[in-house]
């Protein structure tokens, strides 16, 4: 089984193999750690297929994409949660209505 990289190894890998020379220092390490392994390395390497590699010349470019992704999520998340809560409450109300009906039988 392949073992994951430490944060220091990941930073070195990104500098060495992906040209992100600006990925140095404890402040950048904290940013990368907070982004998480998937977003910090895996998630923004390519679009849909590995052959569609993104030209990320620096950690700053990666941070720009991460910031854009976070802004989109922040813009739509409240609406998604509103819809999810509404649907859940409607379904629960229907279930309770059916349970309270003595003639109701599961199909």
C-alpha atoms as a PDB file:
ATOM      1  CA  UNK A   1       0.000   0.000   0.000  1.00  0.00           C
ATOM      2  CA  UNK A   2       1.334   3.405  -0.971  1.00  0.00           C
ATOM      3  CA  UNK A   3       1.825   5.827   1.906  1.00  0.00           C
ATOM      4  CA  UNK A   4       0.789   9.477   1.607  1.00  0.00           C
ATOM      5  CA  UNK A   5       3.272  12.328   1.668  1.00  0.00           C
ATOM      6  CA  UNK A   6       4.004  14.499   4.642  1.00  0.00           C
ATOM      7  CA  UNK A   7       3.246  18.183   4.158  1.00  0.00           C
ATOM      8  CA  UNK A   8       6.975  18.899   3.760  1.00  0.00           C
ATOM      9  CA  UNK A   9       7.323  16.142   1.145  1.00  0.00           C
ATOM     10  CA  UNK A  10       4.278  17.435  -0.698  1.00  0.00           C
ATOM     11  CA  UNK A  11       5.718  20.951  -0.745  1.00  0.00           C
ATOM     12  CA  UNK A  12       9.030  19.636  -2.082  1.00  0.00           C
ATOM     13  CA  UNK A  13       7.202  17.551  -4.714  1.00  0.00           C
ATOM     14  CA  UNK A  14       5.189  20.564  -5.851  1.00  0.00           C
ATOM     15  CA  UNK A  15       8.346  22.702  -6.081  1.00  0.00           C
ATOM     16  CA  UNK A  16      10.414  20.028  -7.848  1.00  0.00           C
ATOM     17  CA  UNK A  17       7.843  18.491 -10.180  1.00  0.00           C
ATOM     18  CA  UNK A  18       5.388  21.330 -10.729  1.00  0.00           C
ATOM     19  CA  UNK A  19       7.606  24.426 -10.689  1.00  0.00           C
ATOM     20  CA  UNK A  20       5.968  26.036  -7.662  1.00  0.00           C
ATOM     21  CA  UNK A  21       9.132  27.658  -6.368  1.00  0.00           C
ATOM     22  CA  UNK A  22       7.100  30.129  -4.286  1.00  0.00           C
ATOM     23  CA  UNK A  23       5.845  27.243  -2.124  1.00  0.00           C
ATOM     24  CA  UNK A  24       8.315  27.802   0.700  1.00  0.00           C
ATOM     25  CA  UNK A  25       8.073  28.806   4.330  1.00  0.00           C
ATOM     26  CA  UNK A  26       5.793  28.182   7.265  1.00  0.00           C
ATOM     27  CA  UNK A  27       3.096  30.633   6.106  1.00  0.00           C
ATOM     28  CA  UNK A  28       2.740  28.747   2.804  1.00  0.00           C
ATOM     29  CA  UNK A  29       2.803  25.431   4.657  1.00  0.00           C
ATOM     30  CA  UNK A  30      -0.143  26.581   6.772  1.00  0.00           C
ATOM     31  CA  UNK A  31      -2.065  27.704   3.665  1.00  0.00           C
ATOM     32  CA  UNK A  32      -1.428  24.375   1.923  1.00  0.00           C
ATOM     33  CA  UNK A  33      -2.387  22.402   5.024  1.00  0.00           C
ATOM     34  CA  UNK A  34      -5.593  24.417   5.421  1.00  0.00           C
ATOM     35  CA  UNK A  35      -6.483  23.836   1.776  1.00  0.00           C
ATOM     36  CA  UNK A  36      -6.134  20.112   2.316  1.00  0.00           C
ATOM     37  CA  UNK A  37      -4.357  17.523   0.223  1.00  0.00           C
ATOM     38  CA  UNK A  38      -7.121  17.180  -2.351  1.00  0.00           C
ATOM     39  CA  UNK A  39      -7.581  20.887  -3.019  1.00  0.00           C
ATOM     40  CA  UNK A  40      -3.961  21.757  -2.488  1.00  0.00           C
ATOM     41  CA  UNK A  41      -2.580  19.246  -4.923  1.00  0.00           C
ATOM     42  CA  UNK A  42      -4.977  16.773  -6.476  1.00  0.00           C
ATOM     43  CA  UNK A  43      -8.047  18.902  -7.064  1.00  0.00           C
ATOM     44  CA  UNK A  44      -6.535  21.660  -9.177  1.00  0.00           C
ATOM     45  CA  UNK A  45      -3.987  19.782 -11.265  1.00  0.00           C
ATOM     46  CA  UNK A  46      -6.200  19.243 -14.285  1.00  0.00           C
ATOM     47  CA  UNK A  47      -9.679  19.694 -15.724  1.00  0.00           C
ATOM     48  CA  UNK A  48     -11.635  16.403 -15.831  1.00  0.00           C
ATOM     49  CA  UNK A  49      -8.796  14.341 -17.339  1.00  0.00           C
ATOM     50  CA  UNK A  50      -5.096  14.202 -16.407  1.00  0.00           C
ATOM     51  CA  UNK A  51      -4.167  15.108 -19.986  1.00  0.00           C
ATOM     52  CA  UNK A  52      -5.892  18.478 -19.436  1.00  0.00           C
ATOM     53  CA  UNK A  53      -3.230  19.701 -17.038  1.00  0.00           C
ATOM     54  CA  UNK A  54      -3.608  23.237 -15.741  1.00  0.00           C
ATOM     55  CA  UNK A  55      -0.613  25.502 -16.275  1.00  0.00           C
ATOM     56  CA  UNK A  56      -0.040  26.443 -12.650  1.00  0.00           C
ATOM     57  CA  UNK A  57       3.316  28.201 -12.613  1.00  0.00           C
ATOM     58  CA  UNK A  58       3.189  29.109  -8.942  1.00  0.00           C
ATOM     59  CA  UNK A  59       1.540  28.478  -5.607  1.00  0.00           C
ATOM     60  CA  UNK A  60      -0.031  31.936  -5.953  1.00  0.00           C
ATOM     61  CA  UNK A  61      -1.802  30.724  -9.125  1.00  0.00           C
ATOM     62  CA  UNK A  62      -3.064  27.688  -7.207  1.00  0.00           C
ATOM     63  CA  UNK A  63      -4.267  29.974  -4.403  1.00  0.00           C
ATOM     64  CA  UNK A  64      -6.147  32.107  -6.948  1.00  0.00           C
ATOM     65  CA  UNK A  65      -8.040  29.048  -8.224  1.00  0.00           C
ATOM     66  CA  UNK A  66      -8.694  27.883  -4.672  1.00  0.00           C
ATOM     67  CA  UNK A  67     -10.011  31.346  -3.756  1.00  0.00           C
ATOM     68  CA  UNK A  68     -12.299  31.399  -6.796  1.00  0.00           C
ATOM     69  CA  UNK A  69     -13.593  27.907  -5.976  1.00  0.00           C
ATOM     70  CA  UNK A  70     -14.251  28.937  -2.361  1.00  0.00           C
ATOM     71  CA  UNK A  71     -16.068  32.108  -3.461  1.00  0.00           C
ATOM     72  CA  UNK A  72     -18.385  30.137  -5.758  1.00  0.00           C
ATOM     73  CA  UNK A  73     -19.150  27.659  -2.974  1.00  0.00           C
ATOM     74  CA  UNK A  74     -19.808  30.496  -0.517  1.00  0.00           C
ATOM     75  CA  UNK A  75     -22.182  32.140  -2.989  1.00  0.00           C
ATOM     76  CA  UNK A  76     -24.353  29.069  -3.599  1.00  0.00           C
ATOM     77  CA  UNK A  77     -24.030  27.107  -0.360  1.00  0.00           C
ATOM     78  CA  UNK A  78     -26.755  29.000   1.557  1.00  0.00           C
ATOM     79  CA  UNK A  79     -29.256  28.437  -1.261  1.00  0.00           C
ATOM     80  CA  UNK A  80     -28.401  24.737  -1.498  1.00  0.00           C
ATOM     81  CA  UNK A  81     -28.813  24.333   2.254  1.00  0.00           C
ATOM     82  CA  UNK A  82     -32.163  26.171   2.104  1.00  0.00           C
ATOM     83  CA  UNK A  83     -33.421  23.815  -0.619  1.00  0.00           C
ATOM     84  CA  UNK A  84     -32.103  20.741   1.192  1.00  0.00           C
ATOM     85  CA  UNK A  85     -33.801  21.778   4.438  1.00  0.00           C
ATOM     86  CA  UNK A  86     -37.076  22.563   2.682  1.00  0.00           C
ATOM     87  CA  UNK A  87     -37.147  19.222   0.851  1.00  0.00           C
ATOM     88  CA  UNK A  88     -36.229  17.326   4.013  1.00  0.00           C
ATOM     89  CA  UNK A  89     -38.988  19.057   5.997  1.00  0.00           C
ATOM     90  CA  UNK A  90     -41.580  18.397   3.290  1.00  0.00           C
ATOM     91  CA  UNK A  91     -40.630  14.718   3.149  1.00  0.00           C
ATOM     92  CA  UNK A  92     -40.685  14.389   6.938  1.00  0.00           C
ATOM     93  CA  UNK A  93     -44.095  16.090   7.104  1.00  0.00           C
ATOM     94  CA  UNK A  94     -45.479  13.661   4.514  1.00  0.00           C
ATOM     95  CA  UNK A  95     -44.025  10.683   6.388  1.00  0.00           C
ATOM     96  CA  UNK A  96     -45.568  11.884   9.650  1.00  0.00           C
ATOM     97  CA  UNK A  97     -48.926  12.473   7.952  1.00  0.00           C
ATOM     98  CA  UNK A  98     -48.873   8.917   6.644  1.00  0.00           C
ATOM     99  CA  UNK A  99     -47.794   7.427   9.968  1.00  0.00           C
ATOM    100  CA  UNK A 100     -50.633   9.213  11.750  1.00  0.00           C
ATOM    101  CA  UNK A 101     -53.143   7.764   9.230  1.00  0.00           C
ATOM    102  CA  UNK A 102     -54.264   4.421  10.705  1.00  0.00           C
ATOM    103  CA  UNK A 103     -55.181   3.162   7.244  1.00  0.00           C
ATOM    104  CA  UNK A 104     -51.718   3.753   5.851  1.00  0.00           C
ATOM    105  CA  UNK A 105     -49.682   0.683   4.881  1.00  0.00           C
ATOM    106  CA  UNK A 106     -46.156   0.709   3.477  1.00  0.00           C
ATOM    107  CA  UNK A 107     -46.067  -0.208  -0.196  1.00  0.00           C
END
